[in-house]
C-alpha atoms as a PDB file:
ATOM      1  CA  MET A   1      18.488   5.926  28.719  1.00  0.00           C
ATOM      2  CA  PRO A   2      15.611   8.453  28.625  1.00  0.00           C
ATOM      3  CA  ASP A   3      14.999  11.048  25.926  1.00  0.00           C
ATOM      4  CA  THR A   4      17.273  14.051  26.412  1.00  0.00           C
ATOM      5  CA  TRP A   5      17.038  17.686  25.379  1.00  0.00           C
ATOM      6  CA  ILE A   6      19.832  20.001  24.247  1.00  0.00           C
ATOM      7  CA  ARG A   7      19.008  23.622  25.126  1.00  0.00           C
ATOM      8  CA  HIS A   8      20.025  26.499  22.811  1.00  0.00           C
ATOM      9  CA  PRO A   9      19.081  29.846  24.432  1.00  0.00           C
ATOM     10  CA  ASN A  10      18.467  32.726  22.026  1.00  0.00           C
ATOM     11  CA  PHE A  11      18.237  30.471  18.970  1.00  0.00           C
ATOM     12  CA  ARG A  12      15.282  29.331  16.851  1.00  0.00           C
ATOM     13  CA  LYS A  13      14.317  27.578  13.645  1.00  0.00           C
ATOM     14  CA  PRO A  14      12.496  29.915  11.270  1.00  0.00           C
ATOM     15  CA  HIS A  15       9.757  27.460  10.240  1.00  0.00           C
ATOM     16  CA  GLY A  16       7.655  25.083  12.292  1.00  0.00           C
ATOM     17  CA  HIS A  17       4.207  23.966  13.366  1.00  0.00           C
ATOM     18  CA  ALA A  18       2.517  25.807  16.253  1.00  0.00           C
ATOM     19  CA  GLN A  19       0.970  23.942  19.200  1.00  0.00           C
ATOM     20  CA  TYR A  20      -1.842  26.297  20.205  1.00  0.00           C
ATOM     21  CA  SER A  21      -3.078  24.520  23.334  1.00  0.00           C
ATOM     22  CA  VAL A  22       0.317  24.252  25.067  1.00  0.00           C
ATOM     23  CA  ARG A  23       0.751  26.268  28.290  1.00  0.00           C
ATOM     24  CA  ASP A  24       4.386  25.699  29.355  1.00  0.00           C
ATOM     25  CA  ILE A  25       7.772  24.316  28.263  1.00  0.00           C
ATOM     26  CA  PRO A  26       7.294  20.785  29.745  1.00  0.00           C
ATOM     27  CA  GLU A  27       3.969  20.485  27.910  1.00  0.00           C
ATOM     28  CA  CYS A  28       5.618  21.751  24.718  1.00  0.00           C
ATOM     29  CA  LYS A  29       8.370  19.147  25.012  1.00  0.00           C
ATOM     30  CA  ALA A  30       5.801  16.415  25.780  1.00  0.00           C
ATOM     31  CA  SER A  31       3.857  17.249  22.600  1.00  0.00           C
ATOM     32  CA  CYS A  32       7.094  16.809  20.629  1.00  0.00           C
ATOM     33  CA  VAL A  33       7.962  13.474  22.265  1.00  0.00           C
ATOM     34  CA  LYS A  34       4.479  12.143  21.396  1.00  0.00           C
ATOM     35  CA  ASN A  35       4.935  13.058  17.723  1.00  0.00           C
ATOM     36  CA  PRO A  36       7.410  10.671  16.005  1.00  0.00           C
ATOM     37  CA  GLU A  37       8.111  13.303  13.309  1.00  0.00           C
ATOM     38  CA  CYS A  38       9.213  15.926  15.855  1.00  0.00           C
ATOM     39  CA  SER A  39      12.945  16.498  16.398  1.00  0.00           C
ATOM     40  CA  SER A  40      12.987  19.866  18.185  1.00  0.00           C
ATOM     41  CA  VAL A  41      10.868  22.679  19.620  1.00  0.00           C
ATOM     42  CA  ASP A  42      11.141  26.433  19.945  1.00  0.00           C
ATOM     43  CA  TRP A  43       9.695  28.226  22.970  1.00  0.00           C
ATOM     44  CA  VAL A  44       8.939  31.873  22.149  1.00  0.00           C
ATOM     45  CA  HIS A  45       8.982  33.520  25.569  1.00  0.00           C
ATOM     46  CA  ALA A  46       7.150  36.780  24.719  1.00  0.00           C
ATOM     47  CA  ALA A  47       4.587  35.313  22.309  1.00  0.00           C
ATOM     48  CA  PRO A  48       0.848  35.704  22.961  1.00  0.00           C
ATOM     49  CA  ASP A  49      -0.852  32.863  24.853  1.00  0.00           C
ATOM     50  CA  GLY A  50      -1.158  29.767  22.692  1.00  0.00           C
ATOM     51  CA  GLN A  51       1.708  30.751  20.383  1.00  0.00           C
ATOM     52  CA  HIS A  52       4.738  29.947  22.553  1.00  0.00           C
ATOM     53  CA  CYS A  53       5.417  26.378  21.338  1.00  0.00           C
ATOM     54  CA  TRP A  54       6.619  25.532  17.818  1.00  0.00           C
ATOM     55  CA  LEU A  55       7.416  21.948  16.727  1.00  0.00           C
ATOM     56  CA  HIS A  56      10.033  21.081  14.110  1.00  0.00           C
ATOM     57  CA  GLY A  57      10.793  17.953  12.118  1.00  0.00           C
ATOM     58  CA  PRO A  58      11.267  16.795   8.534  1.00  0.00           C
ATOM     59  CA  LYS A  59       7.545  16.348   7.874  1.00  0.00           C
ATOM     60  CA  LEU A  60       6.394  19.297  10.020  1.00  0.00           C
ATOM     61  CA  SER A  61       7.887  21.928   7.699  1.00  0.00           C
ATOM     62  CA  ASN A  62       8.367  22.287   3.957  1.00  0.00           C
ATOM     63  CA  PHE A  63      11.918  23.467   4.610  1.00  0.00           C
ATOM     64  CA  THR A  64      14.208  20.432   4.867  1.00  0.00           C
ATOM     65  CA  LEU A  65      17.452  22.399   5.383  1.00  0.00           C
ATOM     66  CA  ASP A  66      16.030  24.511   8.193  1.00  0.00           C
ATOM     67  CA  THR A  67      18.860  25.277  10.652  1.00  0.00           C
ATOM     68  CA  ILE A  68      18.813  27.107  13.955  1.00  0.00           C
ATOM     69  CA  ARG A  69      19.625  30.816  13.885  1.00  0.00           C
ATOM     70  CA  PRO A  70      20.311  33.396  16.595  1.00  0.00           C
ATOM     71  CA  TYR A  71      17.119  35.039  17.842  1.00  0.00           C
ATOM     72  CA  VAL A  72      16.716  36.870  21.152  1.00  0.00           C
ATOM     73  CA  GLY A  73      13.777  35.741  23.297  1.00  0.00           C
ATOM     74  CA  VAL A  74      13.452  32.226  21.895  1.00  0.00           C
ATOM     75  CA  THR A  75      14.917  29.003  23.280  1.00  0.00           C
ATOM     76  CA  HIS A  76      15.461  26.114  20.898  1.00  0.00           C
ATOM     77  CA  TYR A  77      15.339  22.580  22.389  1.00  0.00           C
ATOM     78  CA  GLU A  78      16.759  19.709  20.322  1.00  0.00           C
ATOM     79  CA  LEU A  79      15.290  16.275  21.133  1.00  0.00           C
ATOM     80  CA  ARG A  80      17.635  13.284  21.352  1.00  0.00           C
ATOM     81  CA  ARG A  81      15.342  10.279  21.399  1.00  0.00           C
ATOM     82  CA  SER A  82      16.381   7.180  23.309  1.00  0.00           C
ATOM     83  CA  ARG A  83      16.708   3.939  21.426  1.00  0.00           C
ATOM     84  CA  SER A  84      16.737   1.555  24.332  1.00  0.00           C
ATOM     85  CA  GLY A  85      15.783  -2.031  23.836  1.00  0.00           C
ATOM     86  CA  TYR A  86      17.203  -5.141  22.274  1.00  0.00           C
ATOM     87  CA  TRP A  87      16.665  -7.482  19.343  1.00  0.00           C
ATOM     88  CA  VAL A  88      16.182 -11.239  19.363  1.00  0.00           C
ATOM     89  CA  LYS A  89      17.509 -12.810  16.157  1.00  0.00           C
ATOM     90  CA  TYR A  90      15.929 -15.955  14.674  1.00  0.00           C
ATOM     91  CA  PRO A  91      18.125 -17.220  11.788  1.00  0.00           C
ATOM     92  CA  ASP A  92      16.437 -19.067   8.905  1.00  0.00           C
ATOM     93  CA  THR A  93      13.001 -18.058  10.212  1.00  0.00           C
ATOM     94  CA  LYS A  94      10.163 -15.867   8.995  1.00  0.00           C
ATOM     95  CA  VAL A  95       6.560 -15.022   9.836  1.00  0.00           C
ATOM     96  CA  GLU A  96       3.745 -15.552   7.349  1.00  0.00           C
ATOM     97  CA  ASP A  97       1.971 -12.216   7.508  1.00  0.00           C
ATOM     98  CA  VAL A  98      -0.165 -10.734   4.732  1.00  0.00           C
ATOM     99  CA  ALA A  99      -0.257  -7.395   6.597  1.00  0.00           C
ATOM    100  CA  ALA A 100       3.548  -6.995   6.635  1.00  0.00           C
ATOM    101  CA  LYS A 101       4.786  -3.656   5.351  1.00  0.00           C
ATOM    102  CA  ALA A 102       7.586  -3.737   2.769  1.00  0.00           C
ATOM    103  CA  THR A 103      10.265  -1.064   3.066  1.00  0.00           C
ATOM    104  CA  ALA A 104      13.115   0.120   0.863  1.00  0.00           C
ATOM    105  CA  ALA A 105      15.825  -0.733   3.431  1.00  0.00           C
ATOM    106  CA  GLU A 106      19.089  -1.732   1.766  1.00  0.00           C
ATOM    107  CA  ASP A 107      20.560  -3.780   4.647  1.00  0.00           C
ATOM    108  CA  SER A 108      19.406  -5.531   7.805  1.00  0.00           C
ATOM    109  CA  GLU A 109      20.673  -2.722  10.057  1.00  0.00           C
ATOM    110  CA  SER A 110      18.614  -0.041   8.296  1.00  0.00           C
ATOM    111  CA  CYS A 111      15.674  -2.480   8.277  1.00  0.00           C
ATOM    112  CA  ARG A 112      15.867  -2.739  12.076  1.00  0.00           C
ATOM    113  CA  MET A 113      16.324   1.042  12.406  1.00  0.00           C
ATOM    114  CA  LEU A 114      13.117   1.670  10.448  1.00  0.00           C
ATOM    115  CA  CYS A 115      11.293  -0.677  12.791  1.00  0.00           C
ATOM    116  CA  ALA A 116      12.761   0.943  15.920  1.00  0.00           C
ATOM    117  CA  GLU A 117      11.579   4.353  14.702  1.00  0.00           C
ATOM    118  CA  ASN A 118       8.020   3.063  14.157  1.00  0.00           C
ATOM    119  CA  PRO A 119       6.212   2.656  17.506  1.00  0.00           C
ATOM    120  CA  ASP A 120       3.845   0.030  16.024  1.00  0.00           C
ATOM    121  CA  CYS A 121       6.614  -2.248  14.736  1.00  0.00           C
ATOM    122  CA  THR A 122       7.496  -5.313  16.830  1.00  0.00           C
ATOM    123  CA  MET A 123       9.535  -7.399  14.385  1.00  0.00           C
ATOM    124  CA  VAL A 124      11.096  -7.440  10.925  1.00  0.00           C
ATOM    125  CA  HIS A 125      12.262 -10.140   8.657  1.00  0.00           C
ATOM    126  CA  TRP A 126      15.248  -9.581   6.417  1.00  0.00           C
ATOM    127  CA  SER A 127      15.545 -11.539   3.189  1.00  0.00           C
ATOM    128  CA  PRO A 128      18.723 -10.494   1.317  1.00  0.00           C
ATOM    129  CA  THR A 129      17.803 -12.481  -1.823  1.00  0.00           C
ATOM    130  CA  ALA A 130      14.304 -10.994  -2.203  1.00  0.00           C
ATOM    131  CA  SER A 131      13.668  -8.433  -4.914  1.00  0.00           C
ATOM    132  CA  GLU A 132      14.481  -4.794  -4.169  1.00  0.00           C
ATOM    133  CA  GLY A 133      11.829  -3.166  -1.985  1.00  0.00           C
ATOM    134  CA  LYS A 134      10.803  -6.534  -0.493  1.00  0.00           C
ATOM    135  CA  ARG A 135      13.934  -7.482   1.439  1.00  0.00           C
ATOM    136  CA  CYS A 136      12.751  -5.842   4.657  1.00  0.00           C
ATOM    137  CA  LEU A 137       9.240  -6.594   5.901  1.00  0.00           C
ATOM    138  CA  MET A 138       7.944  -4.882   9.073  1.00  0.00           C
ATOM    139  CA  HIS A 139       5.366  -6.493  11.327  1.00  0.00           C
ATOM    140  CA  GLY A 140       3.134  -4.695  13.820  1.00  0.00           C
ATOM    141  CA  ASN A 141       1.819  -5.369  17.318  1.00  0.00           C
ATOM    142  CA  SER A 142      -1.116  -7.475  16.167  1.00  0.00           C
ATOM    143  CA  ASN A 143       1.244  -9.859  14.350  1.00  0.00           C
ATOM    144  CA  SER A 144       3.328 -10.994  17.340  1.00  0.00           C
ATOM    145  CA  SER A 145       1.345 -14.215  17.772  1.00  0.00           C
ATOM    146  CA  LEU A 146       1.728 -15.454  14.191  1.00  0.00           C
ATOM    147  CA  PRO A 147       3.470 -18.831  13.761  1.00  0.00           C
ATOM    148  CA  LEU A 148       7.148 -18.911  12.863  1.00  0.00           C
ATOM    149  CA  ARG A 149       8.203 -20.756   9.705  1.00  0.00           C
ATOM    150  CA  ILE A 150      11.548 -22.175   8.570  1.00  0.00           C
ATOM    151  CA  SER A 151      12.902 -20.179   5.644  1.00  0.00           C
ATOM    152  CA  ALA A 152      16.534 -20.629   4.580  1.00  0.00           C
ATOM    153  CA  GLY A 153      18.455 -17.379   4.319  1.00  0.00           C
ATOM    154  CA  VAL A 154      15.753 -15.246   5.959  1.00  0.00           C
ATOM    155  CA  THR A 155      16.360 -13.742   9.398  1.00  0.00           C
ATOM    156  CA  LEU A 156      13.573 -12.671  11.737  1.00  0.00           C
ATOM    157  CA  TYR A 157      14.378  -9.939  14.280  1.00  0.00           C
ATOM    158  CA  GLU A 158      12.013  -9.375  17.211  1.00  0.00           C
ATOM    159  CA  LEU A 159      12.233  -5.988  18.939  1.00  0.00           C
ATOM    160  CA  HIS A 160      11.923  -5.784  22.726  1.00  0.00           C
ATOM    161  CA  ARG A 161      11.493  -2.130  23.667  1.00  0.00           C
ATOM    162  CA  GLY A 162      12.401  -0.650  27.022  1.00  0.00           C
ATOM    163  CA  SER A 163      15.383   0.077  29.205  1.00  0.00           C
ATOM    164  CA  ASP A 164      16.397  -3.301  30.520  1.00  0.00           C
ATOM    165  CA  GLY A 165      20.165  -3.165  30.306  1.00  0.00           C
ATOM    166  CA  HIS A 166      20.365  -4.814  26.874  1.00  0.00           C
ATOM    167  CA  CYS A 167      20.297  -1.637  24.804  1.00  0.00           C
ATOM    168  CA  GLY A 168      21.279  -2.344  21.214  1.00  0.00           C
ATOM    169  CA  GLU A 169      22.268  -5.970  21.729  1.00  0.00           C
ATOM    170  CA  ILE A 170      21.203  -8.782  19.442  1.00  0.00           C
ATOM    171  CA  HIS A 171      20.408 -12.139  21.037  1.00  0.00           C
ATOM    172  CA  ILE A 172      20.481 -15.140  18.676  1.00  0.00           C
ATOM    173  CA  ILE A 173      17.882 -17.830  19.270  1.00  0.00           C
ATOM    174  CA  SER A 174      18.563 -21.173  17.693  1.00  0.00           C
ATOM    175  CA  MET A 175      15.288 -22.800  16.758  1.00  0.00           C
ATOM    176  CA  SER A 176      14.476 -26.319  15.769  1.00  0.00           C
ATOM    177  CA  LEU A 177      11.058 -26.469  14.216  1.00  0.00           C
ATOM    178  CA  SER A 178       9.522 -29.847  13.645  1.00  0.00           C
ATOM    179  CA  VAL A 179       7.601 -30.341  10.456  1.00  0.00           C
ATOM    180  CA  TYR A 180       4.776 -32.869  10.536  1.00  0.00           C
ATOM    181  CA  HIS A 181       3.071 -34.213   7.449  1.00  0.00           C
END
């Protein structure tokens, strides 16, 4: 499922971040899609050149409760990002990775959601018995070739991005790792 836009003619958000080099609405929308913090855009039809496109998102404005308001001559476009892809689940498995990023996720679902929202994340491991703030560790693209290790109670989730018909599914891989001394 591709990203979709919800069009609100004659509405705008009062605060945003201008994209000065944008020439048209498709280019305005593309600049939003490329920015992971962007959740919507306003196109100001009668604005001077270079001031038509305004990006909005939680980190693009100091106003967190910014809502759309009626405003003639502006079209507000709300971005609905696709979340296509699937997870492969490796029970009792982890990756030894000193570059892993700890998050404050409180459950394995929010751990996976944080990873899915980060374009550099390829896998997470969830350890429910770890101390708070260390239960969810995110791993990036450069870490996908690290060896897997047996670790009771820890679950490794590998994210496969793309639209392949398995959107949102979790596939469980049963692994038998041999340990040699």
